PDB file of N, CA and C in Angstrom:
ATOM      1  N   MET A   1      -8.056   7.340  28.197  1.00  0.00           N
ATOM      2  CA  MET A   1      -7.848   8.427  27.267  1.00  0.00           C
ATOM      3  C   MET A   1      -6.552   9.144  27.634  1.00  0.00           C
ATOM      4  N   VAL A   2      -5.713   9.363  26.659  1.00  0.00           N
ATOM      5  CA  VAL A   2      -4.444  10.045  26.893  1.00  0.00           C
ATOM      6  C   VAL A   2      -4.616  11.509  26.501  1.00  0.00           C
ATOM      7  N   LEU A   3      -4.363  12.401  27.451  1.00  0.00           N
ATOM      8  CA  LEU A   3      -4.467  13.827  27.166  1.00  0.00           C
ATOM      9  C   LEU A   3      -3.146  14.329  26.602  1.00  0.00           C
ATOM     10  N   SER A   4      -3.219  15.412  25.824  1.00  0.00           N
ATOM     11  CA  SER A   4      -2.039  15.899  25.105  1.00  0.00           C
ATOM     12  C   SER A   4      -0.936  16.344  26.060  1.00  0.00           C
ATOM     13  N   MET A   5       0.262  16.243  25.550  1.00  0.00           N
ATOM     14  CA  MET A   5       1.427  16.669  26.329  1.00  0.00           C
ATOM     15  C   MET A   5       1.369  18.175  26.563  1.00  0.00           C
ATOM     16  N   ASP A   6       0.807  18.917  25.601  1.00  0.00           N
ATOM     17  CA  ASP A   6       0.683  20.368  25.734  1.00  0.00           C
ATOM     18  C   ASP A   6      -0.182  20.722  26.946  1.00  0.00           C
ATOM     19  N   LEU A   7      -1.279  20.008  27.122  1.00  0.00           N
ATOM     20  CA  LEU A   7      -2.155  20.248  28.269  1.00  0.00           C
ATOM     21  C   LEU A   7      -1.438  19.915  29.570  1.00  0.00           C
ATOM     22  N   ARG A   8      -0.701  18.822  29.576  1.00  0.00           N
ATOM     23  CA  ARG A   8       0.067  18.454  30.759  1.00  0.00           C
ATOM     24  C   ARG A   8       1.063  19.542  31.129  1.00  0.00           C
ATOM     25  N   VAL A   9       1.761  20.079  30.124  1.00  0.00           N
ATOM     26  CA  VAL A   9       2.753  21.140  30.366  1.00  0.00           C
ATOM     27  C   VAL A   9       2.069  22.365  30.964  1.00  0.00           C
ATOM     28  N   ARG A  10       0.933  22.765  30.399  1.00  0.00           N
ATOM     29  CA  ARG A  10       0.234  23.953  30.894  1.00  0.00           C
ATOM     30  C   ARG A  10      -0.243  23.773  32.335  1.00  0.00           C
ATOM     31  N   VAL A  11      -0.772  22.587  32.658  1.00  0.00           N
ATOM     32  CA  VAL A  11      -1.262  22.339  34.023  1.00  0.00           C
ATOM     33  C   VAL A  11      -0.104  22.355  35.016  1.00  0.00           C
ATOM     34  N   VAL A  12       0.971  21.633  34.714  1.00  0.00           N
ATOM     35  CA  VAL A  12       2.108  21.563  35.646  1.00  0.00           C
ATOM     36  C   VAL A  12       2.798  22.922  35.757  1.00  0.00           C
ATOM     37  N   THR A  13       2.883  23.664  34.661  1.00  0.00           N
ATOM     38  CA  THR A  13       3.482  25.007  34.711  1.00  0.00           C
ATOM     39  C   THR A  13       2.655  25.932  35.601  1.00  0.00           C
ATOM     40  N   ALA A  14       1.327  25.849  35.496  1.00  0.00           N
ATOM     41  CA  ALA A  14       0.464  26.680  36.336  1.00  0.00           C
ATOM     42  C   ALA A  14       0.665  26.333  37.811  1.00  0.00           C
ATOM     43  N   ILE A  15       0.833  25.064  38.116  1.00  0.00           N
ATOM     44  CA  ILE A  15       1.083  24.658  39.506  1.00  0.00           C
ATOM     45  C   ILE A  15       2.434  25.185  39.971  1.00  0.00           C
ATOM     46  N   ASP A  16       3.444  25.107  39.091  1.00  0.00           N
ATOM     47  CA  ASP A  16       4.772  25.632  39.430  1.00  0.00           C
ATOM     48  C   ASP A  16       4.730  27.139  39.682  1.00  0.00           C
ATOM     49  N   GLU A  17       3.824  27.833  38.988  1.00  0.00           N
ATOM     50  CA  GLU A  17       3.723  29.286  39.138  1.00  0.00           C
ATOM     51  C   GLU A  17       2.871  29.707  40.331  1.00  0.00           C
ATOM     52  N   GLY A  18       2.390  28.732  41.122  1.00  0.00           N
ATOM     53  CA  GLY A  18       1.722  29.090  42.359  1.00  0.00           C
ATOM     54  C   GLY A  18       0.278  28.663  42.497  1.00  0.00           C
ATOM     55  N   LEU A  19      -0.354  28.202  41.451  1.00  0.00           N
ATOM     56  CA  LEU A  19      -1.725  27.736  41.586  1.00  0.00           C
ATOM     57  C   LEU A  19      -1.744  26.406  42.330  1.00  0.00           C
ATOM     58  N   SER A  20      -2.823  26.153  43.021  1.00  0.00           N
ATOM     59  CA  SER A  20      -2.963  24.836  43.637  1.00  0.00           C
ATOM     60  C   SER A  20      -3.303  23.838  42.532  1.00  0.00           C
ATOM     61  N   CYS A  21      -3.136  22.558  42.829  1.00  0.00           N
ATOM     62  CA  CYS A  21      -3.461  21.527  41.834  1.00  0.00           C
ATOM     63  C   CYS A  21      -4.927  21.609  41.444  1.00  0.00           C
ATOM     64  N   ARG A  22      -5.790  21.839  42.429  1.00  0.00           N
ATOM     65  CA  ARG A  22      -7.228  21.925  42.153  1.00  0.00           C
ATOM     66  C   ARG A  22      -7.563  23.142  41.293  1.00  0.00           C
ATOM     67  N   ALA A  23      -6.945  24.279  41.577  1.00  0.00           N
ATOM     68  CA  ALA A  23      -7.217  25.493  40.801  1.00  0.00           C
ATOM     69  C   ALA A  23      -6.709  25.328  39.362  1.00  0.00           C
ATOM     70  N   ALA A  24      -5.537  24.734  39.201  1.00  0.00           N
ATOM     71  CA  ALA A  24      -5.001  24.506  37.850  1.00  0.00           C
ATOM     72  C   ALA A  24      -5.889  23.530  37.091  1.00  0.00           C
ATOM     73  N   ALA A  25      -6.373  22.506  37.759  1.00  0.00           N
ATOM     74  CA  ALA A  25      -7.272  21.542  37.125  1.00  0.00           C
ATOM     75  C   ALA A  25      -8.546  22.237  36.661  1.00  0.00           C
ATOM     76  N   PHE A  26      -9.115  23.087  37.511  1.00  0.00           N
ATOM     77  CA  PHE A  26     -10.333  23.805  37.154  1.00  0.00           C
ATOM     78  C   PHE A  26     -10.085  24.718  35.959  1.00  0.00           C
ATOM     79  N   ARG A  27      -8.952  25.440  35.962  1.00  0.00           N
ATOM     80  CA  ARG A  27      -8.633  26.374  34.880  1.00  0.00           C
ATOM     81  C   ARG A  27      -8.527  25.661  33.532  1.00  0.00           C
ATOM     82  N   PHE A  28      -7.940  24.458  33.511  1.00  0.00           N
ATOM     83  CA  PHE A  28      -7.701  23.771  32.237  1.00  0.00           C
ATOM     84  C   PHE A  28      -8.705  22.653  31.951  1.00  0.00           C
ATOM     85  N   GLY A  29      -9.693  22.504  32.818  1.00  0.00           N
ATOM     86  CA  GLY A  29     -10.772  21.568  32.545  1.00  0.00           C
ATOM     87  C   GLY A  29     -10.413  20.101  32.681  1.00  0.00           C
ATOM     88  N   VAL A  30      -9.535  19.798  33.633  1.00  0.00           N
ATOM     89  CA  VAL A  30      -9.223  18.395  33.909  1.00  0.00           C
ATOM     90  C   VAL A  30      -9.645  18.094  35.347  1.00  0.00           C
ATOM     91  N   ALA A  31      -9.712  16.834  35.670  1.00  0.00           N
ATOM     92  CA  ALA A  31     -10.083  16.439  37.030  1.00  0.00           C
ATOM     93  C   ALA A  31      -8.961  16.818  38.001  1.00  0.00           C
ATOM     94  N   PRO A  32      -9.317  17.235  39.209  1.00  0.00           N
ATOM     95  CA  PRO A  32      -8.282  17.559  40.201  1.00  0.00           C
ATOM     96  C   PRO A  32      -7.320  16.402  40.442  1.00  0.00           C
ATOM     97  N   SER A  33      -7.844  15.176  40.454  1.00  0.00           N
ATOM     98  CA  SER A  33      -6.968  14.025  40.677  1.00  0.00           C
ATOM     99  C   SER A  33      -5.942  13.878  39.556  1.00  0.00           C
ATOM    100  N   THR A  34      -6.308  14.288  38.343  1.00  0.00           N
ATOM    101  CA  THR A  34      -5.375  14.219  37.215  1.00  0.00           C
ATOM    102  C   THR A  34      -4.221  15.190  37.421  1.00  0.00           C
ATOM    103  N   ALA A  35      -4.539  16.431  37.798  1.00  0.00           N
ATOM    104  CA  ALA A  35      -3.488  17.428  38.034  1.00  0.00           C
ATOM    105  C   ALA A  35      -2.588  16.993  39.187  1.00  0.00           C
ATOM    106  N   ILE A  36      -3.187  16.462  40.237  1.00  0.00           N
ATOM    107  CA  ILE A  36      -2.406  15.983  41.389  1.00  0.00           C
ATOM    108  C   ILE A  36      -1.471  14.857  40.955  1.00  0.00           C
ATOM    109  N   ARG A  37      -1.997  13.925  40.148  1.00  0.00           N
ATOM    110  CA  ARG A  37      -1.198  12.775  39.704  1.00  0.00           C
ATOM    111  C   ARG A  37      -0.041  13.229  38.803  1.00  0.00           C
ATOM    112  N   TRP A  38      -0.311  14.152  37.846  1.00  0.00           N
ATOM    113  CA  TRP A  38       0.760  14.632  36.966  1.00  0.00           C
ATOM    114  C   TRP A  38       1.851  15.337  37.754  1.00  0.00           C
ATOM    115  N   PHE A  39       1.442  16.168  38.717  1.00  0.00           N
ATOM    116  CA  PHE A  39       2.426  16.907  39.507  1.00  0.00           C
ATOM    117  C   PHE A  39       3.243  15.952  40.374  1.00  0.00           C
ATOM    118  N   ALA A  40       2.581  14.959  40.976  1.00  0.00           N
ATOM    119  CA  ALA A  40       3.295  13.974  41.803  1.00  0.00           C
ATOM    120  C   ALA A  40       4.238  13.135  40.949  1.00  0.00           C
ATOM    121  N   GLN A  41       3.800  12.764  39.761  1.00  0.00           N
ATOM    122  CA  GLN A  41       4.654  11.980  38.863  1.00  0.00           C
ATOM    123  C   GLN A  41       5.909  12.775  38.495  1.00  0.00           C
ATOM    124  N   ARG A  42       5.741  14.053  38.225  1.00  0.00           N
ATOM    125  CA  ARG A  42       6.902  14.886  37.890  1.00  0.00           C
ATOM    126  C   ARG A  42       7.836  15.037  39.088  1.00  0.00           C
ATOM    127  N   ARG A  43       7.260  15.155  40.279  1.00  0.00           N
ATOM    128  CA  ARG A  43       8.070  15.294  41.489  1.00  0.00           C
ATOM    129  C   ARG A  43       8.892  14.022  41.748  1.00  0.00           C
ATOM    130  N   VAL A  44       8.296  12.851  41.499  1.00  0.00           N
ATOM    131  CA  VAL A  44       8.958  11.578  41.780  1.00  0.00           C
ATOM    132  C   VAL A  44       9.936  11.186  40.687  1.00  0.00           C
ATOM    133  N   THR A  45       9.508  11.295  39.420  1.00  0.00           N
ATOM    134  CA  THR A  45      10.331  10.792  38.304  1.00  0.00           C
ATOM    135  C   THR A  45      11.035  11.879  37.520  1.00  0.00           C
ATOM    136  N   GLY A  46      10.607  13.127  37.673  1.00  0.00           N
ATOM    137  CA  GLY A  46      11.194  14.204  36.898  1.00  0.00           C
ATOM    138  C   GLY A  46      10.524  14.375  35.544  1.00  0.00           C
ATOM    139  N   ASP A  47       9.516  13.569  35.258  1.00  0.00           N
ATOM    140  CA  ASP A  47       8.822  13.632  33.976  1.00  0.00           C
ATOM    141  C   ASP A  47       7.341  13.406  34.219  1.00  0.00           C
ATOM    142  N   PHE A  48       6.498  13.972  33.371  1.00  0.00           N
ATOM    143  CA  PHE A  48       5.062  13.769  33.528  1.00  0.00           C
ATOM    144  C   PHE A  48       4.424  13.312  32.225  1.00  0.00           C
ATOM    145  N   ALA A  49       5.225  12.700  31.370  1.00  0.00           N
ATOM    146  CA  ALA A  49       4.717  12.151  30.111  1.00  0.00           C
ATOM    147  C   ALA A  49       3.829  10.950  30.411  1.00  0.00           C
ATOM    148  N   PRO A  50       2.895  10.658  29.517  1.00  0.00           N
ATOM    149  CA  PRO A  50       2.025   9.503  29.757  1.00  0.00           C
ATOM    150  C   PRO A  50       2.818   8.204  29.783  1.00  0.00           C
ATOM    151  N   LYS A  51       2.370   7.289  30.611  1.00  0.00           N
ATOM    152  CA  LYS A  51       3.015   5.977  30.698  1.00  0.00           C
ATOM    153  C   LYS A  51       2.485   5.093  29.571  1.00  0.00           C
ATOM    154  N   PRO A  52       3.241   4.098  29.151  1.00  0.00           N
ATOM    155  CA  PRO A  52       2.760   3.211  28.094  1.00  0.00           C
ATOM    156  C   PRO A  52       1.482   2.493  28.527  1.00  0.00           C
ATOM    157  N   GLN A  53       0.610   2.259  27.558  1.00  0.00           N
ATOM    158  CA  GLN A  53      -0.645   1.584  27.849  1.00  0.00           C
ATOM    159  C   GLN A  53      -0.718   0.268  27.109  1.00  0.00           C
ATOM    160  N   GLY A  54      -1.419  -0.674  27.695  1.00  0.00           N
ATOM    161  CA  GLY A  54      -1.681  -1.944  27.032  1.00  0.00           C
ATOM    162  C   GLY A  54      -0.431  -2.792  26.894  1.00  0.00           C
ATOM    163  N   GLY A  55      -0.487  -3.702  25.951  1.00  0.00           N
ATOM    164  CA  GLY A  55       0.644  -4.575  25.701  1.00  0.00           C
ATOM    165  C   GLY A  55       0.582  -5.847  26.531  1.00  0.00           C
ATOM    166  N   ASP A  56       1.469  -6.715  26.243  1.00  0.00           N
ATOM    167  CA  ASP A  56       1.526  -8.009  26.908  1.00  0.00           C
ATOM    168  C   ASP A  56       2.244  -7.856  28.235  1.00  0.00           C
ATOM    169  N   MET A  57       1.541  -8.188  29.316  1.00  0.00           N
ATOM    170  CA  MET A  57       2.116  -8.020  30.641  1.00  0.00           C
ATOM    171  C   MET A  57       2.560  -9.337  31.268  1.00  0.00           C
ATOM    172  N   ARG A  58       2.194 -10.484  30.642  1.00  0.00           N
ATOM    173  CA  ARG A  58       2.460 -11.756  31.277  1.00  0.00           C
ATOM    174  C   ARG A  58       3.479 -12.624  30.548  1.00  0.00           C
ATOM    175  N   SER A  59       3.890 -12.256  29.332  1.00  0.00           N
ATOM    176  CA  SER A  59       4.758 -13.148  28.559  1.00  0.00           C
ATOM    177  C   SER A  59       6.123 -13.350  29.223  1.00  0.00           C
ATOM    178  N   ARG A  60       6.538 -12.422  30.041  1.00  0.00           N
ATOM    179  CA  ARG A  60       7.836 -12.551  30.713  1.00  0.00           C
ATOM    180  C   ARG A  60       7.885 -13.839  31.529  1.00  0.00           C
ATOM    181  N   ARG A  61       6.794 -14.152  32.201  1.00  0.00           N
ATOM    182  CA  ARG A  61       6.728 -15.353  33.038  1.00  0.00           C
ATOM    183  C   ARG A  61       6.863 -16.612  32.183  1.00  0.00           C
ATOM    184  N   VAL A  62       6.238 -16.626  31.035  1.00  0.00           N
ATOM    185  CA  VAL A  62       6.326 -17.779  30.138  1.00  0.00           C
ATOM    186  C   VAL A  62       7.731 -17.856  29.536  1.00  0.00           C
ATOM    187  N   GLU A  63       8.287 -16.713  29.157  1.00  0.00           N
ATOM    188  CA  GLU A  63       9.622 -16.684  28.547  1.00  0.00           C
ATOM    189  C   GLU A  63      10.692 -17.175  29.523  1.00  0.00           C
ATOM    190  N   GLU A  64      10.487 -16.951  30.814  1.00  0.00           N
ATOM    191  CA  GLU A  64      11.451 -17.428  31.803  1.00  0.00           C
ATOM    192  C   GLU A  64      11.513 -18.950  31.839  1.00  0.00           C
ATOM    193  N   ARG A  65      10.438 -19.612  31.418  1.00  0.00           N
ATOM    194  CA  ARG A  65      10.393 -21.076  31.409  1.00  0.00           C
ATOM    195  C   ARG A  65      10.527 -21.638  29.990  1.00  0.00           C
ATOM    196  N   ALA A  66      11.075 -20.859  29.078  1.00  0.00           N
ATOM    197  CA  ALA A  66      11.194 -21.268  27.673  1.00  0.00           C
ATOM    198  C   ALA A  66      11.953 -22.584  27.525  1.00  0.00           C
ATOM    199  N   GLU A  67      13.011 -22.764  28.290  1.00  0.00           N
ATOM    200  CA  GLU A  67      13.789 -24.005  28.185  1.00  0.00           C
ATOM    201  C   GLU A  67      12.944 -25.218  28.525  1.00  0.00           C
ATOM    202  N   ASP A  68      12.139 -25.126  29.578  1.00  0.00           N
ATOM    203  CA  ASP A  68      11.270 -26.240  29.969  1.00  0.00           C
ATOM    204  C   ASP A  68      10.244 -26.541  28.881  1.00  0.00           C
ATOM    205  N   ILE A  69       9.633 -25.486  28.361  1.00  0.00           N
ATOM    206  CA  ILE A  69       8.600 -25.663  27.331  1.00  0.00           C
ATOM    207  C   ILE A  69       9.195 -26.312  26.091  1.00  0.00           C
ATOM    208  N   LEU A  70      10.329 -25.775  25.630  1.00  0.00           N
ATOM    209  CA  LEU A  70      10.940 -26.297  24.408  1.00  0.00           C
ATOM    210  C   LEU A  70      11.498 -27.705  24.610  1.00  0.00           C
ATOM    211  N   ALA A  71      11.956 -28.019  25.815  1.00  0.00           N
ATOM    212  CA  ALA A  71      12.474 -29.365  26.082  1.00  0.00           C
ATOM    213  C   ALA A  71      11.359 -30.400  25.971  1.00  0.00           C
ATOM    214  N   ILE A  72      10.209 -30.096  26.535  1.00  0.00           N
ATOM    215  CA  ILE A  72       9.072 -31.020  26.444  1.00  0.00           C
ATOM    216  C   ILE A  72       8.620 -31.143  25.000  1.00  0.00           C
ATOM    217  N   TRP A  73       8.563 -30.018  24.301  1.00  0.00           N
ATOM    218  CA  TRP A  73       8.129 -30.025  22.898  1.00  0.00           C
ATOM    219  C   TRP A  73       9.109 -30.799  22.020  1.00  0.00           C
ATOM    220  N   GLU A  74      10.408 -30.630  22.250  1.00  0.00           N
ATOM    221  CA  GLU A  74      11.417 -31.355  21.461  1.00  0.00           C
ATOM    222  C   GLU A  74      11.302 -32.862  21.692  1.00  0.00           C
ATOM    223  N   GLY A  75      10.970 -33.255  22.910  1.00  0.00           N
ATOM    224  CA  GLY A  75      10.841 -34.670  23.227  1.00  0.00           C
ATOM    225  C   GLY A  75       9.674 -35.331  22.512  1.00  0.00           C
ATOM    226  N   ARG A  76       8.661 -34.547  22.204  1.00  0.00           N
ATOM    227  CA  ARG A  76       7.477 -35.102  21.550  1.00  0.00           C
ATOM    228  C   ARG A  76       6.813 -34.012  20.717  1.00  0.00           C
ATOM    229  N   LYS A  77       7.268 -33.857  19.472  1.00  0.00           N
ATOM    230  CA  LYS A  77       6.815 -32.747  18.640  1.00  0.00           C
ATOM    231  C   LYS A  77       5.348 -32.847  18.235  1.00  0.00           C
ATOM    232  N   ASP A  78       4.734 -34.009  18.361  1.00  0.00           N
ATOM    233  CA  ASP A  78       3.325 -34.139  17.998  1.00  0.00           C
ATOM    234  C   ASP A  78       2.390 -33.834  19.169  1.00  0.00           C
ATOM    235  N   ILE A  79       2.945 -33.316  20.263  1.00  0.00           N
ATOM    236  CA  ILE A  79       2.157 -33.027  21.455  1.00  0.00           C
ATOM    237  C   ILE A  79       1.221 -31.845  21.185  1.00  0.00           C
ATOM    238  N   SER A  80       0.005 -31.949  21.671  1.00  0.00           N
ATOM    239  CA  SER A  80      -0.936 -30.835  21.520  1.00  0.00           C
ATOM    240  C   SER A  80      -0.619 -29.786  22.592  1.00  0.00           C
ATOM    241  N   LEU A  81      -1.161 -28.593  22.391  1.00  0.00           N
ATOM    242  CA  LEU A  81      -0.919 -27.536  23.370  1.00  0.00           C
ATOM    243  C   LEU A  81      -1.517 -27.887  24.727  1.00  0.00           C
ATOM    244  N   ASP A  82      -2.661 -28.543  24.719  1.00  0.00           N
ATOM    245  CA  ASP A  82      -3.266 -28.932  25.989  1.00  0.00           C
ATOM    246  C   ASP A  82      -2.428 -29.993  26.700  1.00  0.00           C
ATOM    247  N   GLU A  83      -1.899 -30.950  25.941  1.00  0.00           N
ATOM    248  CA  GLU A  83      -1.021 -31.968  26.533  1.00  0.00           C
ATOM    249  C   GLU A  83       0.258 -31.321  27.063  1.00  0.00           C
ATOM    250  N   LEU A  84       0.785 -30.357  26.329  1.00  0.00           N
ATOM    251  CA  LEU A  84       1.977 -29.626  26.770  1.00  0.00           C
ATOM    252  C   LEU A  84       1.679 -28.868  28.058  1.00  0.00           C
ATOM    253  N   ARG A  85       0.512 -28.251  28.117  1.00  0.00           N
ATOM    254  CA  ARG A  85       0.105 -27.521  29.318  1.00  0.00           C
ATOM    255  C   ARG A  85       0.040 -28.462  30.524  1.00  0.00           C
ATOM    256  N   LEU A  86      -0.515 -29.665  30.327  1.00  0.00           N
ATOM    257  CA  LEU A  86      -0.596 -30.641  31.418  1.00  0.00           C
ATOM    258  C   LEU A  86       0.791 -31.120  31.849  1.00  0.00           C
ATOM    259  N   ALA A  87       1.700 -31.311  30.879  1.00  0.00           N
ATOM    260  CA  ALA A  87       3.073 -31.715  31.210  1.00  0.00           C
ATOM    261  C   ALA A  87       3.783 -30.621  32.009  1.00  0.00           C
ATOM    262  N   LEU A  88       3.501 -29.368  31.682  1.00  0.00           N
ATOM    263  CA  LEU A  88       4.111 -28.254  32.421  1.00  0.00           C
ATOM    264  C   LEU A  88       3.541 -28.161  33.834  1.00  0.00           C
ATOM    265  N   ILE A  89       2.267 -28.467  33.991  1.00  0.00           N
ATOM    266  CA  ILE A  89       1.672 -28.471  35.331  1.00  0.00           C
ATOM    267  C   ILE A  89       2.373 -29.508  36.208  1.00  0.00           C
ATOM    268  N   GLU A  90       2.738 -30.648  35.618  1.00  0.00           N
ATOM    269  CA  GLU A  90       3.422 -31.699  36.379  1.00  0.00           C
ATOM    270  C   GLU A  90       4.776 -31.244  36.916  1.00  0.00           C
ATOM    271  N   ILE A  91       5.415 -30.301  36.221  1.00  0.00           N
ATOM    272  CA  ILE A  91       6.710 -29.797  36.715  1.00  0.00           C
ATOM    273  C   ILE A  91       6.550 -28.489  37.487  1.00  0.00           C
ATOM    274  N   GLY A  92       5.292 -28.125  37.783  1.00  0.00           N
ATOM    275  CA  GLY A  92       5.046 -26.972  38.650  1.00  0.00           C
ATOM    276  C   GLY A  92       4.888 -25.648  37.952  1.00  0.00           C
ATOM    277  N   PHE A  93       4.567 -25.642  36.674  1.00  0.00           N
ATOM    278  CA  PHE A  93       4.381 -24.382  35.947  1.00  0.00           C
ATOM    279  C   PHE A  93       3.004 -24.373  35.308  1.00  0.00           C
ATOM    280  N   THR A  94       2.180 -23.423  35.707  1.00  0.00           N
ATOM    281  CA  THR A  94       0.827 -23.323  35.175  1.00  0.00           C
ATOM    282  C   THR A  94       0.771 -22.223  34.126  1.00  0.00           C
ATOM    283  N   VAL A  95       0.256 -22.577  32.968  1.00  0.00           N
ATOM    284  CA  VAL A  95       0.107 -21.628  31.864  1.00  0.00           C
ATOM    285  C   VAL A  95      -1.124 -22.041  31.068  1.00  0.00           C
ATOM    286  N   SER A  96      -1.739 -21.068  30.412  1.00  0.00           N
ATOM    287  CA  SER A  96      -2.931 -21.371  29.618  1.00  0.00           C
ATOM    288  C   SER A  96      -2.532 -21.860  28.233  1.00  0.00           C
ATOM    289  N   VAL A  97      -3.478 -22.497  27.553  1.00  0.00           N
ATOM    290  CA  VAL A  97      -3.245 -22.933  26.177  1.00  0.00           C
ATOM    291  C   VAL A  97      -2.988 -21.710  25.299  1.00  0.00           C
ATOM    292  N   ALA A  98      -3.743 -20.632  25.530  1.00  0.00           N
ATOM    293  CA  ALA A  98      -3.550 -19.402  24.750  1.00  0.00           C
ATOM    294  C   ALA A  98      -2.147 -18.825  24.986  1.00  0.00           C
ATOM    295  N   GLY A  99      -1.667 -18.885  26.227  1.00  0.00           N
ATOM    296  CA  GLY A  99      -0.317 -18.406  26.524  1.00  0.00           C
ATOM    297  C   GLY A  99       0.739 -19.224  25.799  1.00  0.00           C
ATOM    298  N   LEU A 100       0.540 -20.536  25.733  1.00  0.00           N
ATOM    299  CA  LEU A 100       1.471 -21.391  24.986  1.00  0.00           C
ATOM    300  C   LEU A 100       1.407 -21.080  23.496  1.00  0.00           C
ATOM    301  N   HIS A 101       0.199 -20.845  23.000  1.00  0.00           N
ATOM    302  CA  HIS A 101       0.046 -20.506  21.582  1.00  0.00           C
ATOM    303  C   HIS A 101       0.836 -19.236  21.256  1.00  0.00           C
ATOM    304  N   ARG A 102       0.682 -18.204  22.081  1.00  0.00           N
ATOM    305  CA  ARG A 102       1.416 -16.946  21.848  1.00  0.00           C
ATOM    306  C   ARG A 102       2.928 -17.159  21.960  1.00  0.00           C
ATOM    307  N   PHE A 103       3.363 -18.046  22.861  1.00  0.00           N
ATOM    308  CA  PHE A 103       4.785 -18.374  23.015  1.00  0.00           C
ATOM    309  C   PHE A 103       5.347 -18.907  21.698  1.00  0.00           C
ATOM    310  N   PHE A 104       4.631 -19.851  21.083  1.00  0.00           N
ATOM    311  CA  PHE A 104       5.111 -20.430  19.825  1.00  0.00           C
ATOM    312  C   PHE A 104       4.993 -19.443  18.670  1.00  0.00           C
ATOM    313  N   VAL A 105       3.975 -18.603  18.661  1.00  0.00           N
ATOM    314  CA  VAL A 105       3.827 -17.593  17.608  1.00  0.00           C
ATOM    315  C   VAL A 105       4.995 -16.619  17.647  1.00  0.00           C
ATOM    316  N   ARG A 106       5.406 -16.209  18.859  1.00  0.00           N
ATOM    317  CA  ARG A 106       6.548 -15.289  18.979  1.00  0.00           C
ATOM    318  C   ARG A 106       7.815 -15.880  18.376  1.00  0.00           C
ATOM    319  N   ARG A 107       7.919 -17.185  18.356  1.00  0.00           N
ATOM    320  CA  ARG A 107       9.091 -17.864  17.799  1.00  0.00           C
ATOM    321  C   ARG A 107       8.897 -18.278  16.345  1.00  0.00           C
ATOM    322  N   GLY A 108       7.743 -17.963  15.773  1.00  0.00           N
ATOM    323  CA  GLY A 108       7.467 -18.333  14.394  1.00  0.00           C
ATOM    324  C   GLY A 108       7.261 -19.826  14.209  1.00  0.00           C
ATOM    325  N   MET A 109       6.879 -20.507  15.271  1.00  0.00           N
ATOM    326  CA  MET A 109       6.686 -21.955  15.228  1.00  0.00           C
ATOM    327  C   MET A 109       5.191 -22.239  15.177  1.00  0.00           C
ATOM    328  N   THR A 110       4.747 -22.921  14.123  1.00  0.00           N
ATOM    329  CA  THR A 110       3.335 -23.242  14.039  1.00  0.00           C
ATOM    330  C   THR A 110       3.073 -24.516  14.807  1.00  0.00           C
ATOM    331  N   ARG A 111       1.937 -24.568  15.440  1.00  0.00           N
ATOM    332  CA  ARG A 111       1.571 -25.731  16.232  1.00  0.00           C
ATOM    333  C   ARG A 111       0.341 -26.415  15.646  1.00  0.00           C
ATOM    334  N   LYS A 112      -0.116 -25.940  14.482  1.00  0.00           N
ATOM    335  CA  LYS A 112      -1.334 -26.496  13.909  1.00  0.00           C
ATOM    336  C   LYS A 112      -1.055 -27.869  13.332  1.00  0.00           C
ATOM    337  N   LYS A 113      -1.902 -28.812  13.665  1.00  0.00           N
ATOM    338  CA  LYS A 113      -1.771 -30.152  13.119  1.00  0.00           C
ATOM    339  C   LYS A 113      -2.636 -30.247  11.872  1.00  0.00           C
ATOM    340  N   ARG A 114      -2.096 -30.846  10.827  1.00  0.00           N
ATOM    341  CA  ARG A 114      -2.852 -31.026   9.599  1.00  0.00           C
ATOM    342  C   ARG A 114      -2.997 -32.519   9.346  1.00  0.00           C
ATOM    343  N   LEU A 115      -4.204 -32.941   9.130  1.00  0.00           N
ATOM    344  CA  LEU A 115      -4.454 -34.341   8.826  1.00  0.00           C
ATOM    345  C   LEU A 115      -4.178 -34.595   7.347  1.00  0.00           C
ATOM    346  N   VAL A 116      -3.617 -35.734   7.047  1.00  0.00           N
ATOM    347  CA  VAL A 116      -3.394 -36.111   5.657  1.00  0.00           C
ATOM    348  C   VAL A 116      -4.732 -36.584   5.109  1.00  0.00           C
ATOM    349  N   MET A 117      -5.177 -35.922   4.061  1.00  0.00           N
ATOM    350  CA  MET A 117      -6.472 -36.249   3.477  1.00  0.00           C
ATOM    351  C   MET A 117      -6.268 -36.876   2.104  1.00  0.00           C
ATOM    352  N   LEU A 118      -6.989 -37.946   1.836  1.00  0.00           N
ATOM    353  CA  LEU A 118      -6.962 -38.558   0.529  1.00  0.00           C
ATOM    354  C   LEU A 118      -7.858 -37.756  -0.400  1.00  0.00           C
ATOM    355  N   SER A 119      -7.487 -37.741  -1.670  1.00  0.00           N
ATOM    356  CA  SER A 119      -8.270 -37.033  -2.652  1.00  0.00           C
ATOM    357  C   SER A 119      -9.637 -37.678  -2.773  1.00  0.00           C
ATOM    358  N   SER A 120     -10.679 -36.884  -2.880  1.00  0.00           N
ATOM    359  CA  SER A 120     -12.020 -37.437  -2.990  1.00  0.00           C
ATOM    360  C   SER A 120     -12.406 -37.716  -4.439  1.00  0.00           C
ATOM    361  N   LYS A 121     -11.562 -37.296  -5.368  1.00  0.00           N
ATOM    362  CA  LYS A 121     -11.858 -37.528  -6.778  1.00  0.00           C
ATOM    363  C   LYS A 121     -11.537 -38.988  -7.146  1.00  0.00           C
ATOM    364  N   THR A 122     -12.395 -39.583  -7.936  1.00  0.00           N
ATOM    365  CA  THR A 122     -12.171 -40.962  -8.361  1.00  0.00           C
ATOM    366  C   THR A 122     -11.595 -41.037  -9.762  1.00  0.00           C
ATOM    367  N   GLY A 123     -11.696 -39.998 -10.513  1.00  0.00           N
ATOM    368  CA  GLY A 123     -11.166 -40.014 -11.870  1.00  0.00           C
ATOM    369  C   GLY A 123     -11.318 -38.650 -12.511  1.00  0.00           C
ATOM    370  N   LEU A 124     -10.799 -38.539 -13.723  1.00  0.00           N
ATOM    371  CA  LEU A 124     -10.892 -37.276 -14.441  1.00  0.00           C
ATOM    372  C   LEU A 124     -12.320 -37.042 -14.884  1.00  0.00           C
ATOM    373  N   MET A 125     -12.695 -35.809 -14.871  1.00  0.00           N
ATOM    374  CA  MET A 125     -14.036 -35.444 -15.317  1.00  0.00           C
ATOM    375  C   MET A 125     -13.897 -34.759 -16.670  1.00  0.00           C
ATOM    376  N   SER A 126     -14.818 -35.055 -17.575  1.00  0.00           N
ATOM    377  CA  SER A 126     -14.731 -34.460 -18.912  1.00  0.00           C
ATOM    378  C   SER A 126     -15.801 -33.432 -19.133  1.00  0.00           C
TER     379      SER A 126
END
């Protein structure tokens, strides 16, 4: 849960004006550890705004090996994601099928295979 910036300002201002972190936390109804963390963050970075939450934390590792992934894929475009994953393991890079899927989605490249299906109709219906 992200608490408002206004609350953060009031807590840190109260600490700056002489209250202890615990007393300021009690006054504004936050946990003492929260007030301590906000004050320490401001002391270290100069800011106490909330840090970004969520998001993709692992794609950087896959993107660093983009040349290897695309080289294998270019060599055999009909390769499945699982086969591609196994080929990457052979060169010392471990990645999940889902990670490879997201890699291709980021590039707008579809990896879905479609089977050619013959029409099941035998003639016109009246």
